[in-house]
Amino acid sequence: PYSMPCGSPGWQMVSCWSDGFVAELRWPDMGLSASLPAEFGLLRGLRLLDLSRNKFVGAVTSAFGTAGGLAELRELNLSRNMLTGPLPAGMRGLGQLQRLDLSYNMFVVSGCHYSCSTVHHQCECSMG
């Protein structure tokens, strides 16, 4: 008896397009702990993904770049997890991305420009 995220009644913190594809996943602070699944790259219509304040570990897979289906992604928040390693080079190809928050992880990042707010104690990284 599994329900579909875009079916009726639908899942909490999931917004969908009228064609049934997932548009937004807002799963902050849910205690999720694992590696980031490559299956996120299958969500072709996804515009917003917020996985902040969880316990995701390891590297961000190439599914989060142009190798995945996230070309429409406009906002990605992976802050306050336990992610490590370099970011996939394909993230530079996410041309629609307007907001990227990778703060409070342990990334090895090259070519990433940080802007930090002393008021909010938050750093954001913009690819460029």
N, C-alpha and C. Protein backbone atom coordinates (compact mmCIF):
# COMPACT_ATOMS: atom_id res chain seq x y z
N PRO A 1 0.82 -1.21 0.00
CA PRO A 1 0.00 0.00 0.00
C PRO A 1 0.86 1.27 0.00
N TYR A 2 1.72 1.41 -1.01
CA TYR A 2 2.56 2.60 -1.12
C TYR A 2 1.78 3.68 -1.85
N SER A 3 2.00 4.91 -1.47
CA SER A 3 1.37 6.03 -2.18
C SER A 3 2.42 6.71 -3.05
N MET A 4 1.99 7.34 -4.08
CA MET A 4 2.88 8.07 -4.97
C MET A 4 3.02 9.49 -4.45
N PRO A 5 4.20 10.09 -4.59
CA PRO A 5 4.39 11.44 -4.04
C PRO A 5 3.46 12.48 -4.65
N CYS A 6 3.07 12.29 -5.90
CA CYS A 6 2.22 13.28 -6.57
C CYS A 6 0.79 12.79 -6.73
N GLY A 7 0.49 11.65 -6.15
CA GLY A 7 -0.89 11.15 -6.23
C GLY A 7 -1.74 11.77 -5.15
N SER A 8 -2.87 11.21 -4.95
CA SER A 8 -3.76 11.70 -3.90
C SER A 8 -3.64 10.75 -2.72
N PRO A 9 -3.38 11.17 -1.53
CA PRO A 9 -3.36 12.56 -1.06
C PRO A 9 -2.02 13.25 -1.27
N GLY A 10 -0.99 12.57 -1.74
CA GLY A 10 0.32 13.19 -1.93
C GLY A 10 1.14 13.15 -0.66
N TRP A 11 2.40 13.43 -0.79
CA TRP A 11 3.31 13.41 0.35
C TRP A 11 3.50 14.82 0.88
N GLN A 12 3.71 14.93 2.19
CA GLN A 12 4.01 16.23 2.78
C GLN A 12 5.37 16.69 2.28
N MET A 13 5.53 17.97 2.14
CA MET A 13 6.78 18.61 1.76
C MET A 13 7.23 18.24 0.35
N VAL A 14 6.28 17.83 -0.50
CA VAL A 14 6.54 17.54 -1.91
C VAL A 14 5.53 18.33 -2.72
N SER A 15 6.02 19.13 -3.66
CA SER A 15 5.15 19.85 -4.58
C SER A 15 5.31 19.24 -5.96
N CYS A 16 4.23 19.19 -6.70
CA CYS A 16 4.25 18.52 -8.00
C CYS A 16 3.71 19.42 -9.10
N TRP A 17 4.15 19.14 -10.32
CA TRP A 17 3.61 19.79 -11.50
C TRP A 17 2.27 19.14 -11.84
N SER A 18 1.49 19.77 -12.65
CA SER A 18 0.18 19.23 -13.02
C SER A 18 0.29 17.90 -13.78
N ASP A 19 1.45 17.65 -14.41
CA ASP A 19 1.65 16.39 -15.14
C ASP A 19 2.10 15.24 -14.23
N GLY A 20 2.19 15.52 -12.91
CA GLY A 20 2.53 14.48 -11.95
C GLY A 20 4.00 14.36 -11.63
N PHE A 21 4.85 15.17 -12.25
CA PHE A 21 6.27 15.12 -11.93
C PHE A 21 6.57 15.96 -10.69
N VAL A 22 7.56 15.57 -9.94
CA VAL A 22 7.93 16.27 -8.72
C VAL A 22 8.61 17.59 -9.07
N ALA A 23 8.14 18.69 -8.49
CA ALA A 23 8.70 20.02 -8.72
C ALA A 23 9.60 20.46 -7.57
N GLU A 24 9.22 20.15 -6.33
CA GLU A 24 9.97 20.59 -5.16
C GLU A 24 9.97 19.50 -4.09
N LEU A 25 11.13 19.29 -3.50
CA LEU A 25 11.26 18.42 -2.33
C LEU A 25 11.84 19.27 -1.21
N ARG A 26 11.09 19.42 -0.16
CA ARG A 26 11.54 20.18 1.02
C ARG A 26 11.60 19.21 2.19
N TRP A 27 12.79 18.65 2.41
CA TRP A 27 12.99 17.67 3.47
C TRP A 27 14.08 18.12 4.45
N PRO A 28 13.99 19.34 4.98
CA PRO A 28 15.00 19.76 5.95
C PRO A 28 14.73 19.15 7.33
N ASP A 29 15.79 18.92 8.04
CA ASP A 29 15.72 18.55 9.46
C ASP A 29 14.80 17.35 9.71
N MET A 30 14.97 16.31 8.89
CA MET A 30 14.14 15.12 9.03
C MET A 30 14.91 13.93 9.60
N GLY A 31 16.18 14.13 9.97
CA GLY A 31 16.97 13.04 10.52
C GLY A 31 17.38 12.01 9.49
N LEU A 32 17.35 12.37 8.21
CA LEU A 32 17.74 11.44 7.16
C LEU A 32 19.24 11.21 7.21
N SER A 33 19.66 9.96 7.17
CA SER A 33 21.09 9.65 7.24
C SER A 33 21.42 8.53 6.26
N ALA A 34 22.26 8.86 5.31
CA ALA A 34 22.71 7.91 4.28
C ALA A 34 23.59 8.70 3.32
N SER A 35 24.07 8.04 2.30
CA SER A 35 24.69 8.74 1.18
C SER A 35 23.57 9.36 0.37
N LEU A 36 23.89 10.43 -0.35
CA LEU A 36 22.87 11.04 -1.20
C LEU A 36 22.56 10.09 -2.35
N PRO A 37 21.34 9.66 -2.49
CA PRO A 37 21.00 8.71 -3.55
C PRO A 37 21.14 9.33 -4.94
N ALA A 38 21.74 8.58 -5.85
CA ALA A 38 21.87 9.03 -7.24
C ALA A 38 20.50 9.16 -7.89
N GLU A 39 19.49 8.52 -7.34
CA GLU A 39 18.15 8.56 -7.91
C GLU A 39 17.54 9.97 -7.91
N PHE A 40 18.09 10.89 -7.12
CA PHE A 40 17.62 12.27 -7.20
C PHE A 40 17.79 12.80 -8.63
N GLY A 41 18.78 12.31 -9.33
CA GLY A 41 19.03 12.73 -10.71
C GLY A 41 17.94 12.31 -11.68
N LEU A 42 17.06 11.43 -11.26
CA LEU A 42 15.96 10.98 -12.11
C LEU A 42 14.76 11.93 -12.06
N LEU A 43 14.79 12.88 -11.14
CA LEU A 43 13.67 13.82 -10.97
C LEU A 43 13.83 14.98 -11.95
N ARG A 44 13.49 14.73 -13.19
CA ARG A 44 13.78 15.64 -14.30
C ARG A 44 13.11 17.01 -14.20
N GLY A 45 11.98 17.14 -13.57
CA GLY A 45 11.32 18.44 -13.47
C GLY A 45 11.62 19.17 -12.18
N LEU A 46 12.53 18.65 -11.38
CA LEU A 46 12.79 19.21 -10.05
C LEU A 46 13.37 20.62 -10.14
N ARG A 47 12.75 21.55 -9.43
CA ARG A 47 13.22 22.94 -9.39
C ARG A 47 13.86 23.29 -8.05
N LEU A 48 13.43 22.66 -6.96
CA LEU A 48 13.94 22.97 -5.64
C LEU A 48 14.18 21.68 -4.87
N LEU A 49 15.37 21.58 -4.27
CA LEU A 49 15.70 20.44 -3.43
C LEU A 49 16.35 20.96 -2.16
N ASP A 50 15.67 20.76 -1.04
CA ASP A 50 16.18 21.19 0.26
C ASP A 50 16.35 19.96 1.14
N LEU A 51 17.60 19.56 1.33
CA LEU A 51 17.94 18.43 2.20
C LEU A 51 18.79 18.91 3.37
N SER A 52 18.64 20.15 3.73
CA SER A 52 19.47 20.75 4.78
C SER A 52 19.16 20.14 6.16
N ARG A 53 20.15 20.27 7.05
CA ARG A 53 20.03 19.87 8.46
C ARG A 53 19.62 18.41 8.62
N ASN A 54 20.23 17.54 7.82
CA ASN A 54 20.05 16.10 7.97
C ASN A 54 21.40 15.49 8.31
N LYS A 55 21.59 14.25 8.03
CA LYS A 55 22.85 13.57 8.35
C LYS A 55 23.38 12.81 7.13
N PHE A 56 23.26 13.44 5.95
CA PHE A 56 23.79 12.82 4.75
C PHE A 56 25.31 12.83 4.81
N VAL A 57 25.94 11.76 4.35
CA VAL A 57 27.39 11.61 4.42
C VAL A 57 27.94 11.28 3.03
N GLY A 58 29.25 11.44 2.90
CA GLY A 58 29.93 11.07 1.67
C GLY A 58 29.91 12.16 0.63
N ALA A 59 30.23 11.77 -0.58
CA ALA A 59 30.35 12.71 -1.68
C ALA A 59 29.01 12.93 -2.37
N VAL A 60 28.91 14.06 -3.04
CA VAL A 60 27.75 14.36 -3.88
C VAL A 60 27.99 13.68 -5.22
N THR A 61 27.07 12.85 -5.65
CA THR A 61 27.26 12.08 -6.88
C THR A 61 27.07 12.94 -8.12
N SER A 62 27.52 12.41 -9.25
CA SER A 62 27.38 13.12 -10.52
C SER A 62 25.92 13.32 -10.91
N ALA A 63 25.01 12.61 -10.26
CA ALA A 63 23.58 12.81 -10.52
C ALA A 63 23.15 14.23 -10.20
N PHE A 64 23.93 14.93 -9.37
CA PHE A 64 23.61 16.31 -9.00
C PHE A 64 24.22 17.31 -9.98
N GLY A 65 24.69 16.84 -11.09
CA GLY A 65 25.24 17.71 -12.12
C GLY A 65 24.53 17.48 -13.43
N THR A 66 25.19 17.85 -14.49
CA THR A 66 24.59 17.70 -15.81
C THR A 66 24.48 16.23 -16.22
N ALA A 67 25.19 15.32 -15.54
CA ALA A 67 25.07 13.89 -15.84
C ALA A 67 23.72 13.36 -15.38
N GLY A 68 23.12 14.02 -14.42
CA GLY A 68 21.78 13.65 -13.94
C GLY A 68 20.73 14.43 -14.71
N GLY A 69 19.52 14.37 -14.25
CA GLY A 69 18.44 15.06 -14.93
C GLY A 69 18.02 16.34 -14.26
N LEU A 70 18.91 16.97 -13.52
CA LEU A 70 18.53 18.13 -12.72
C LEU A 70 18.78 19.46 -13.43
N ALA A 71 18.67 19.48 -14.74
CA ALA A 71 18.96 20.69 -15.51
C ALA A 71 18.03 21.85 -15.16
N GLU A 72 16.84 21.57 -14.63
CA GLU A 72 15.88 22.61 -14.29
C GLU A 72 16.03 23.11 -12.85
N LEU A 73 16.95 22.53 -12.11
CA LEU A 73 17.12 22.88 -10.69
C LEU A 73 17.48 24.35 -10.54
N ARG A 74 16.72 25.04 -9.68
CA ARG A 74 16.96 26.46 -9.42
C ARG A 74 17.49 26.72 -8.02
N GLU A 75 17.16 25.82 -7.09
CA GLU A 75 17.62 25.99 -5.71
C GLU A 75 18.02 24.63 -5.15
N LEU A 76 19.23 24.58 -4.60
CA LEU A 76 19.76 23.36 -3.98
C LEU A 76 20.33 23.73 -2.63
N ASN A 77 19.80 23.14 -1.58
CA ASN A 77 20.28 23.39 -0.22
C ASN A 77 20.70 22.06 0.40
N LEU A 78 22.01 21.89 0.53
CA LEU A 78 22.58 20.70 1.16
C LEU A 78 23.31 21.08 2.45
N SER A 79 23.01 22.24 2.98
CA SER A 79 23.72 22.74 4.16
C SER A 79 23.47 21.87 5.39
N ARG A 80 24.44 21.95 6.31
CA ARG A 80 24.35 21.29 7.62
C ARG A 80 24.11 19.78 7.53
N ASN A 81 24.92 19.14 6.69
CA ASN A 81 24.98 17.68 6.64
C ASN A 81 26.42 17.31 6.96
N MET A 82 26.84 16.15 6.57
CA MET A 82 28.22 15.71 6.78
C MET A 82 28.82 15.26 5.45
N LEU A 83 28.60 16.08 4.42
CA LEU A 83 29.06 15.75 3.09
C LEU A 83 30.53 16.12 2.93
N THR A 84 31.24 15.34 2.13
CA THR A 84 32.68 15.53 1.96
C THR A 84 33.05 15.41 0.49
N GLY A 85 34.34 15.64 0.23
CA GLY A 85 34.89 15.41 -1.10
C GLY A 85 34.65 16.56 -2.05
N PRO A 86 35.09 16.38 -3.28
CA PRO A 86 34.87 17.42 -4.29
C PRO A 86 33.43 17.37 -4.80
N LEU A 87 33.00 18.49 -5.31
CA LEU A 87 31.68 18.55 -5.95
C LEU A 87 31.81 18.05 -7.38
N PRO A 88 30.77 17.44 -7.93
CA PRO A 88 30.85 16.98 -9.31
C PRO A 88 31.06 18.16 -10.27
N ALA A 89 31.94 17.98 -11.22
CA ALA A 89 32.22 19.04 -12.19
C ALA A 89 30.96 19.44 -12.96
N GLY A 90 30.04 18.51 -13.13
CA GLY A 90 28.82 18.78 -13.87
C GLY A 90 27.91 19.79 -13.19
N MET A 91 28.15 20.11 -11.92
CA MET A 91 27.32 21.12 -11.25
C MET A 91 27.50 22.48 -11.90
N ARG A 92 28.64 22.69 -12.54
CA ARG A 92 28.85 23.97 -13.23
C ARG A 92 27.89 24.14 -14.40
N GLY A 93 27.36 23.05 -14.90
CA GLY A 93 26.45 23.11 -16.04
C GLY A 93 25.00 23.32 -15.67
N LEU A 94 24.72 23.49 -14.38
CA LEU A 94 23.34 23.72 -13.94
C LEU A 94 23.00 25.19 -14.18
N GLY A 95 22.67 25.51 -15.40
CA GLY A 95 22.48 26.90 -15.81
C GLY A 95 21.30 27.61 -15.18
N GLN A 96 20.32 26.87 -14.67
CA GLN A 96 19.15 27.48 -14.06
C GLN A 96 19.34 27.75 -12.56
N LEU A 97 20.43 27.23 -12.00
CA LEU A 97 20.64 27.32 -10.55
C LEU A 97 20.80 28.77 -10.11
N GLN A 98 19.96 29.20 -9.18
CA GLN A 98 19.99 30.56 -8.67
C GLN A 98 20.47 30.63 -7.23
N ARG A 99 20.28 29.55 -6.48
CA ARG A 99 20.69 29.54 -5.07
C ARG A 99 21.27 28.18 -4.73
N LEU A 100 22.48 28.22 -4.19
CA LEU A 100 23.18 27.00 -3.81
C LEU A 100 23.76 27.22 -2.42
N ASP A 101 23.32 26.43 -1.45
CA ASP A 101 23.82 26.54 -0.08
C ASP A 101 24.47 25.21 0.29
N LEU A 102 25.79 25.26 0.45
CA LEU A 102 26.58 24.08 0.81
C LEU A 102 27.25 24.26 2.17
N SER A 103 26.83 25.25 2.91
CA SER A 103 27.51 25.60 4.16
C SER A 103 27.43 24.47 5.19
N TYR A 104 28.39 24.48 6.08
CA TYR A 104 28.47 23.54 7.20
C TYR A 104 28.53 22.09 6.73
N ASN A 105 29.38 21.85 5.75
CA ASN A 105 29.77 20.52 5.31
C ASN A 105 31.29 20.51 5.28
N MET A 106 31.88 19.50 4.71
CA MET A 106 33.34 19.40 4.65
C MET A 106 33.80 19.17 3.21
N PHE A 107 33.35 20.01 2.30
CA PHE A 107 33.68 19.86 0.90
C PHE A 107 35.09 20.33 0.58
N VAL A 108 35.64 19.75 -0.46
CA VAL A 108 36.84 20.25 -1.09
C VAL A 108 36.35 20.92 -2.36
N VAL A 109 36.40 22.23 -2.39
CA VAL A 109 35.77 22.97 -3.47
C VAL A 109 36.80 23.84 -4.18
N SER A 110 36.88 23.69 -5.50
CA SER A 110 37.71 24.60 -6.29
C SER A 110 36.82 25.32 -7.28
N GLY A 111 37.13 26.56 -7.57
CA GLY A 111 36.33 27.35 -8.50
C GLY A 111 35.01 27.79 -7.92
N CYS A 112 34.91 27.80 -6.62
CA CYS A 112 33.66 28.14 -5.96
C CYS A 112 33.85 29.48 -5.24
N HIS A 113 32.94 30.38 -5.45
CA HIS A 113 33.03 31.69 -4.81
C HIS A 113 32.09 31.74 -3.61
N TYR A 114 32.64 32.02 -2.45
CA TYR A 114 31.84 32.05 -1.23
C TYR A 114 31.44 33.48 -0.90
N SER A 115 30.22 33.64 -0.46
CA SER A 115 29.81 34.90 0.14
C SER A 115 29.21 34.56 1.49
N CYS A 116 29.70 35.22 2.52
CA CYS A 116 29.28 34.88 3.88
C CYS A 116 28.60 36.07 4.53
N SER A 117 27.61 35.77 5.31
CA SER A 117 26.91 36.80 6.06
C SER A 117 27.30 36.68 7.53
N THR A 118 27.83 37.75 8.09
CA THR A 118 28.16 37.72 9.51
C THR A 118 26.91 37.81 10.36
N VAL A 119 25.83 38.30 9.77
CA VAL A 119 24.57 38.40 10.51
C VAL A 119 23.96 37.01 10.68
N HIS A 120 23.91 36.26 9.60
CA HIS A 120 23.27 34.96 9.63
C HIS A 120 24.26 33.81 9.82
N HIS A 121 25.55 34.11 9.84
CA HIS A 121 26.60 33.10 9.98
C HIS A 121 26.40 31.97 8.97
N GLN A 122 26.19 32.36 7.73
CA GLN A 122 25.93 31.40 6.67
C GLN A 122 26.77 31.77 5.46
N CYS A 123 27.40 30.76 4.87
CA CYS A 123 28.15 30.97 3.64
C CYS A 123 27.41 30.26 2.51
N GLU A 124 27.38 30.91 1.38
CA GLU A 124 26.79 30.31 0.20
C GLU A 124 27.84 30.25 -0.87
N CYS A 125 27.74 29.27 -1.70
CA CYS A 125 28.70 29.06 -2.76
C CYS A 125 28.00 29.24 -4.09
N SER A 126 28.54 30.10 -4.93
CA SER A 126 27.98 30.22 -6.27
C SER A 126 29.02 29.73 -7.26
N MET A 127 28.56 28.90 -8.18
CA MET A 127 29.48 28.36 -9.17
C MET A 127 29.75 29.45 -10.19
N GLY A 128 30.99 29.58 -10.59
CA GLY A 128 31.28 30.63 -11.56
C GLY A 128 32.67 30.61 -12.03
